[in-house]
Protein backbone atom coordinates (compact mmCIF):
# COMPACT_ATOMS: atom_id res chain seq x y z
CA MET A 1 80.32 56.95 114.69
CA HIS A 2 77.94 54.24 113.47
CA PHE A 3 77.28 52.86 110.00
CA ILE A 4 74.03 52.55 108.06
CA HIS A 5 74.35 48.78 108.39
CA ASP A 6 74.03 49.16 112.18
CA VAL A 7 70.61 50.76 111.64
CA TYR A 8 69.56 48.31 108.96
CA ILE A 9 70.06 45.18 111.08
CA LYS A 10 67.59 46.62 113.62
CA MET A 11 64.88 47.12 110.98
CA PRO A 12 62.12 44.47 110.80
CA SER A 13 63.02 43.25 107.25
CA GLU A 14 59.33 42.79 106.43
CA ASN A 15 59.54 44.92 103.25
CA CYS A 16 55.82 45.62 103.58
CA GLY A 17 55.74 49.12 102.11
CA LEU A 18 53.57 50.48 104.94
CA CYS A 19 56.07 53.22 105.83
CA GLY A 20 56.07 54.50 102.25
CA SER A 21 59.39 52.90 101.27
CA LEU A 22 59.54 49.90 98.96
CA THR A 23 61.88 47.92 101.25
CA CYS A 24 63.44 48.19 104.69
CA ARG A 25 66.77 48.94 103.01
CA VAL A 26 65.24 51.96 101.25
CA ALA A 27 63.64 53.00 104.56
CA THR A 28 67.03 52.79 106.29
CA LEU A 29 68.58 55.19 103.80
CA ALA A 30 65.56 57.48 104.13
CA ILE A 31 66.11 57.54 107.92
CA TYR A 32 69.79 58.38 107.36
CA ARG A 33 68.87 61.31 105.10
CA GLY A 34 66.23 62.60 107.51
CA ARG A 35 63.41 61.92 105.05
CA MET A 36 61.72 59.40 107.34
CA ASP A 37 61.22 59.10 111.09
CA PRO A 38 61.78 55.56 112.45
CA SER A 39 58.36 55.76 114.10
CA ASP A 40 56.82 55.65 110.60
CA CYS A 41 57.51 51.90 110.64
CA PRO A 42 54.45 50.18 112.17
CA PHE A 43 56.47 47.10 113.16
CA LEU A 44 58.95 49.13 115.20
CA VAL A 45 56.17 51.08 116.90
CA SER A 46 53.86 48.14 117.63
CA GLY A 47 56.18 45.41 118.82
CA ARG A 48 59.82 46.43 118.67
CA LYS A 49 60.12 49.45 120.90
CA ASP A 50 63.62 48.41 122.06
CA ALA A 51 64.86 48.35 118.46
CA LEU A 52 63.15 51.69 117.80
CA ASN A 53 64.89 53.29 120.77
CA GLU A 54 68.23 51.82 119.69
CA ILE A 55 67.79 53.30 116.21
CA TYR A 56 67.09 56.73 117.70
CA LYS A 57 70.26 56.36 119.78
CA LEU A 58 72.31 55.50 116.68
CA ILE A 59 70.89 58.55 114.91
CA ASP A 60 71.80 60.80 117.82
CA GLU A 61 75.36 59.46 117.91
CA GLY A 62 75.82 59.89 114.15
CA ILE A 63 75.69 57.62 111.11
CA ASN A 64 78.37 57.26 108.44
CA PRO A 65 76.91 56.32 105.02
CA ASP A 66 80.07 55.24 103.20
CA ILE A 67 81.10 51.96 104.74
CA GLY A 68 82.80 50.36 101.76
CA GLU A 69 86.53 49.96 101.30
CA SER A 70 88.35 52.37 99.01
CA LYS A 71 90.46 49.54 97.54
CA THR A 72 89.40 47.32 94.65
CA GLY A 73 90.60 43.98 93.34
CA PHE A 74 92.89 41.41 94.95
CA GLU A 75 95.02 42.69 97.75
CA SER A 76 96.98 39.48 98.23
CA ILE A 77 97.27 35.82 97.39
CA SER A 78 99.14 34.24 100.27
CA PRO A 79 99.40 31.03 102.26
CA CYS A 80 96.38 30.52 104.48
CA PRO A 81 97.34 31.24 108.11
CA SER A 82 95.54 28.13 109.36
CA ASP A 83 97.09 25.86 106.69
CA PRO A 84 100.21 27.02 104.77
CA SER A 85 99.60 24.40 102.07
CA LYS A 86 96.44 26.28 101.02
CA LEU A 87 95.76 29.80 99.78
CA MET A 88 94.03 32.88 101.13
CA PHE A 89 92.74 35.74 98.95
CA VAL A 90 91.56 39.16 100.02
CA TYR A 91 89.26 40.80 97.48
CA TYR A 92 87.56 44.18 97.42
CA PRO A 93 84.55 44.46 95.06
CA GLU A 94 84.52 46.94 92.23
CA ARG A 95 83.22 50.31 93.28
CA VAL A 96 80.18 51.67 91.46
CA GLU A 97 80.54 55.32 90.50
CA ASN A 98 78.22 57.60 92.50
CA LEU A 99 77.08 54.69 94.64
CA VAL A 100 76.45 56.06 98.12
CA VAL A 101 76.51 52.75 99.96
CA ASN A 102 78.14 49.49 98.85
CA LEU A 103 76.18 46.96 100.89
CA TYR A 104 74.70 43.49 100.60
CA ASP A 105 71.17 42.83 101.83
CA GLU A 106 71.77 40.03 104.33
CA LYS A 107 68.22 38.71 104.29
CA MET A 108 68.43 38.31 100.51
CA VAL A 109 71.93 36.80 100.81
CA ARG A 110 70.48 34.07 103.04
CA THR A 111 67.53 33.54 100.67
CA LEU A 112 69.77 33.13 97.63
CA LEU A 113 72.19 30.79 99.39
CA ASP A 114 69.37 28.67 100.83
CA TYR A 115 67.88 28.24 97.37
CA GLU A 116 71.30 27.45 95.83
CA GLY A 117 71.65 24.56 98.23
CA SER A 118 75.23 23.36 97.64
CA PHE A 119 76.90 25.91 99.93
CA VAL A 120 76.87 25.76 103.70
CA SER A 121 76.37 29.27 105.00
CA ARG A 122 76.29 30.99 108.36
CA SER A 123 75.43 34.64 108.85
CA SER A 124 76.10 37.01 111.70
CA PRO A 125 74.06 40.19 111.09
CA GLU A 126 75.37 41.72 114.30
CA LEU A 127 78.97 41.39 113.12
CA GLY A 128 78.11 42.14 109.50
CA PHE A 129 79.42 39.06 107.69
CA SER A 130 78.44 35.72 106.20
CA ARG A 131 80.59 32.60 105.87
CA ILE A 132 79.94 30.54 102.73
CA GLU A 133 81.63 27.14 102.40
CA ASN A 134 81.70 24.54 99.63
CA ASP A 135 81.98 20.76 99.93
CA ARG A 136 85.78 20.89 99.54
CA GLY A 137 86.26 22.90 102.72
CA GLU A 138 87.07 26.15 100.86
CA TYR A 139 85.13 29.11 102.14
CA VAL A 140 84.50 32.80 101.62
CA ILE A 141 83.81 35.31 104.37
CA VAL A 142 81.64 38.10 102.98
CA PHE A 143 81.53 41.36 104.90
CA ALA A 144 78.43 43.53 104.47
CA ARG A 145 80.78 46.51 104.32
CA GLY A 146 82.33 45.35 101.09
CA LYS A 147 85.19 42.86 101.47
CA PHE A 148 85.69 39.17 100.66
CA ILE A 149 88.23 36.86 102.27
CA THR A 150 88.68 33.47 100.62
CA ARG A 151 90.36 30.88 102.84
CA GLN A 152 91.47 27.25 102.59
CA ALA A 153 91.58 27.49 98.76
CA LEU A 154 93.13 24.33 97.27
CA THR A 155 94.42 26.16 94.18
CA GLU A 156 94.29 29.69 92.84
CA TYR A 157 91.76 28.63 90.19
CA SER A 158 89.42 26.85 92.62
CA GLY A 159 89.57 29.81 95.01
CA ARG A 160 88.78 32.27 92.24
CA ARG A 161 85.94 30.10 90.94
CA LEU A 162 84.39 29.80 94.40
CA LEU A 163 84.67 33.55 94.80
CA GLN A 164 83.08 34.14 91.39
CA SER A 165 80.15 31.87 92.26
CA VAL A 166 79.58 33.79 95.49
CA ILE A 167 79.85 37.14 93.69
CA ASN A 168 77.38 36.00 91.01
CA LEU A 169 74.81 35.26 93.70
CA LEU A 170 75.48 38.13 96.08
CA TRP A 171 75.57 40.70 93.28
CA LEU A 172 71.78 40.38 93.12
CA SER A 173 71.51 41.55 96.73
CA LYS A 174 73.91 44.46 96.29
CA THR A 175 72.70 48.03 96.77
CA SER A 176 73.09 49.65 93.38
CA CYS A 177 71.67 53.16 93.54
CA GLU A 178 71.77 56.10 95.91
CA ILE A 179 68.24 55.47 97.19
CA GLY A 180 68.96 51.89 98.18
CA TYR A 181 67.40 49.50 95.67
CA THR A 182 69.22 46.23 95.07
CA VAL A 183 69.97 44.75 91.66
CA LEU A 184 67.32 42.14 92.42
CA ASP A 185 64.69 44.88 92.66
CA GLY A 186 65.38 45.73 89.03
CA PHE A 187 64.72 49.34 90.08
CA GLN A 188 64.28 50.59 86.52
CA GLY A 189 60.83 52.14 86.58
CA ILE A 190 60.55 52.19 90.39
CA CYS A 191 63.60 54.27 91.26
CA VAL A 192 63.52 58.06 90.92
CA CYS A 193 67.23 58.30 91.70
CA LYS A 194 68.93 60.45 89.06
CA ALA A 195 72.37 59.14 89.99
CA THR A 196 71.57 55.52 89.19
CA THR A 197 74.64 54.25 87.36
CA SER A 198 74.13 50.52 87.12
CA SER A 199 71.47 47.88 86.98
CA ILE A 200 71.07 44.23 86.28
CA GLU A 201 72.59 44.99 82.87
CA ARG A 202 75.94 45.89 84.42
CA GLY A 203 76.70 42.40 85.60
CA PRO A 204 78.75 41.26 88.60
CA ASP A 205 82.46 41.80 89.20
CA ASN A 206 84.56 39.80 86.77
CA ILE A 207 87.02 37.52 88.61
CA SER A 208 87.13 34.43 86.42
CA LEU A 209 84.31 34.99 83.91
CA SER A 210 84.85 35.22 80.18
CA ASP A 211 83.50 38.40 78.63
CA GLU A 212 81.86 36.56 75.76
CA GLY A 213 78.85 34.41 76.48
CA ARG A 214 77.69 31.42 74.54
CA THR A 215 74.47 31.92 72.62
CA VAL A 216 71.81 29.49 73.76
CA PRO A 217 68.49 30.00 71.96
CA TRP A 218 65.36 30.12 74.08
CA LYS A 219 62.80 27.41 73.46
CA GLU A 220 60.29 30.11 74.33
CA GLU A 221 60.98 33.79 74.96
CA PRO A 222 60.94 34.35 78.75
CA SER A 223 58.57 37.30 78.50
CA CYS A 224 56.06 35.15 76.59
CA PHE A 225 56.44 32.38 79.15
CA PHE A 226 55.75 34.70 82.09
CA ASP A 227 52.73 36.21 80.32
CA ARG A 228 51.37 32.71 79.75
CA LEU A 229 52.07 31.74 83.36
CA ILE A 230 50.26 34.79 84.74
CA GLY A 231 47.30 33.98 82.49
CA SER A 232 47.24 30.37 83.72
CA ILE A 233 47.28 31.39 87.39
CA SER A 234 44.49 33.92 86.92
CA GLU A 235 42.30 31.38 85.09
CA ASN A 236 42.67 28.79 87.86
CA LEU A 237 42.69 30.99 90.93
CA THR A 238 41.96 28.81 93.93
CA ALA A 239 43.90 28.34 97.15
CA ASN A 240 45.02 24.87 95.99
CA ASN A 241 46.26 26.12 92.64
CA VAL A 242 48.13 28.98 94.29
CA ASN A 243 50.04 26.38 96.30
CA ARG A 244 50.74 24.32 93.18
CA TYR A 245 52.11 27.33 91.30
CA LEU A 246 54.15 28.25 94.38
CA GLN A 247 55.93 24.88 94.19
CA VAL A 248 56.65 25.50 90.50
CA CYS A 249 58.13 28.89 91.40
CA ARG A 250 60.39 27.50 94.10
CA SER A 251 61.78 24.62 92.07
CA THR A 252 62.42 26.96 89.11
CA ILE A 253 64.13 29.60 91.27
CA ARG A 254 66.38 26.92 92.71
CA GLU A 255 67.44 25.77 89.25
CA HIS A 256 68.20 29.28 87.95
CA ILE A 257 70.15 30.16 91.10
CA ARG A 258 72.29 27.05 90.66
CA GLN A 259 72.92 27.99 87.03
CA LEU A 260 73.73 31.54 88.13
CA ALA A 261 76.36 30.29 90.59
CA LEU A 262 77.96 28.05 87.95
CA ALA A 263 77.81 30.53 85.05
CA ASP A 264 81.17 31.14 83.38
CA SER A 265 80.32 34.18 81.26
CA LYS A 266 78.69 37.52 81.96
CA ALA A 267 76.00 36.82 79.38
CA ASP A 268 74.94 33.65 81.20
CA VAL A 269 75.12 35.38 84.58
CA LYS A 270 72.83 38.21 83.46
CA ARG A 271 70.50 35.78 81.71
CA ASN A 272 69.94 33.71 84.85
CA ALA A 273 70.02 36.75 87.15
CA LYS A 274 67.14 38.33 85.27
CA LEU A 275 65.10 35.16 85.57
CA VAL A 276 65.84 34.87 89.30
CA SER A 277 64.84 38.53 89.68
CA LYS A 278 61.56 37.80 87.93
CA TRP A 279 60.72 34.57 89.76
CA ILE A 280 61.45 35.66 93.33
CA PRO A 281 58.81 38.45 93.47
CA LEU A 282 56.25 36.09 91.93
CA ASP A 283 57.18 33.51 94.56
CA GLU A 284 56.72 36.16 97.29
CA ILE A 285 53.29 37.12 95.92
CA LEU A 286 52.02 33.55 95.84
CA GLY A 287 53.70 32.69 99.16
CA THR A 288 52.02 35.63 100.89
CA VAL A 289 48.59 34.62 99.60
CA SER A 290 49.24 30.96 100.47
CA THR A 291 50.16 31.86 104.06
CA HIS A 292 47.18 34.19 104.57
CA ALA A 293 44.66 32.42 102.31
CA SER A 294 41.19 34.00 102.29
CA LYS A 295 38.57 34.94 99.71
CA ASP A 296 39.46 38.59 100.18
CA LEU A 297 43.13 37.97 99.40
CA LEU A 298 42.34 35.79 96.41
CA LYS A 299 40.34 38.73 95.10
CA THR A 300 43.33 41.04 95.64
CA LEU A 301 45.61 38.51 93.93
CA SER A 302 43.22 38.31 90.96
CA GLN A 303 43.36 42.10 90.68
CA VAL A 304 47.17 42.16 90.86
CA LEU A 305 47.48 39.37 88.28
CA ARG A 306 45.43 41.44 85.85
CA TYR A 307 47.81 44.35 86.42
CA LEU A 308 50.80 42.07 85.82
CA ALA A 309 49.26 40.73 82.61
CA ASP A 310 48.67 44.32 81.41
CA LYS A 311 52.10 45.45 82.71
CA ASN A 312 50.21 48.20 84.53
CA LEU A 313 52.61 49.65 87.11
CA ASP A 314 50.40 52.70 87.77
CA SER A 315 47.50 50.53 88.96
CA VAL A 316 49.83 48.59 91.25
CA GLU A 317 51.01 51.91 92.70
CA HIS A 318 47.40 52.99 93.23
CA LEU A 319 46.50 49.72 94.98
CA LEU A 320 49.62 50.02 97.17
CA ALA A 321 48.59 53.52 98.26
CA GLU A 322 45.02 52.34 98.86
CA SER A 323 46.15 49.40 101.00
CA LYS A 324 47.69 51.74 103.57
CA GLY A 325 44.15 52.62 104.65
CA TYR A 326 43.15 49.02 105.36
CA SER A 327 43.09 47.56 108.85
CA TRP A 328 45.60 44.97 110.04
CA PRO A 329 46.44 42.40 108.70
CA LYS A 330 44.92 43.20 105.30
CA ASN A 331 47.06 46.34 104.90
CA PHE A 332 50.30 44.41 105.50
CA VAL A 333 49.43 41.49 103.23
CA SER A 334 48.10 43.67 100.39
CA SER A 335 51.11 45.96 100.63
CA LYS A 336 53.51 43.03 100.44
CA ILE A 337 51.72 41.69 97.36
CA CYS A 338 51.89 45.10 95.67
CA VAL A 339 55.54 45.71 96.59
CA ASN A 340 56.50 42.43 94.95
CA ALA A 341 54.28 43.14 91.94
CA LYS A 342 56.32 46.34 91.42
CA ARG A 343 59.55 44.35 91.64
CA TYR A 344 58.21 41.80 89.16
CA LEU A 345 57.17 44.45 86.64
CA CYS A 346 60.47 46.33 86.83
CA VAL A 347 62.62 43.45 85.59
CA GLN A 348 62.50 43.05 81.82
CA VAL A 349 63.46 39.66 80.36
């Protein structure tokens, strides 16, 4: 018996939307449910025939959807086997009611950790875990199947705080509905799943957070800021300005991700998580255009920016459907822009 994660790690992780699914994670769950044939993915068909054949083999041998642990909370606080003077924790994340799969999107895990910058991380997609270490030598092993092991903790508090920082970040990459959208996707407005039970409003697991958050007034409401930013980009739409705004995006994402990791209340976590969830799709949009700069793509970007300014999700959907008829590479690039425009529009701040 194989797990959905075994299929997912063989998917291309392009999240292009060409197969009809918003992301490769959603496509993986569609394959599991028999709603999609793996050959619908153009990347698997065109250049990854070995991976395609391996996915068919996994399907034939059977796939188990529920790969999370049934336990929740701390299982133990004990001396670390490699150093009895330090502590080891075993923690099982809170289960989400009606959640079919409790997984972390490993590509997004790496993205978030790379932006955060202060952790040293190593991932092994084949084995299904990531190791995340701080500058004190304490580290957390995160299993895609839903378990955390904290090792080399100097004290119980420092171990819990490291674990909370990791949970704050990884929560954004957690699958949170039966179709497969992550918290980062926002998925309100894009997900037709009737069993959706949580969203970015739910917040991460509470290990060492206070329930009450401090009230910090905004200098400018985030929604107003993003509207103004979209207007500025559209008024100065050149390849050079796209690159300049891209640098603004990346430095801002990095700052909010650091604040997210350090947040000590659920209110602050959700505040920064929403902003990260808004900035990353915008970064992807600008990064895609910057990489494939052309007059044609600048025209597509101008069109999408108008839709973002008008909060017009229907037009984004229409453009996404239309892009499937384009020839390569325009179909891929336009689809990626539209997919991220949907993600951007579905997070309300």
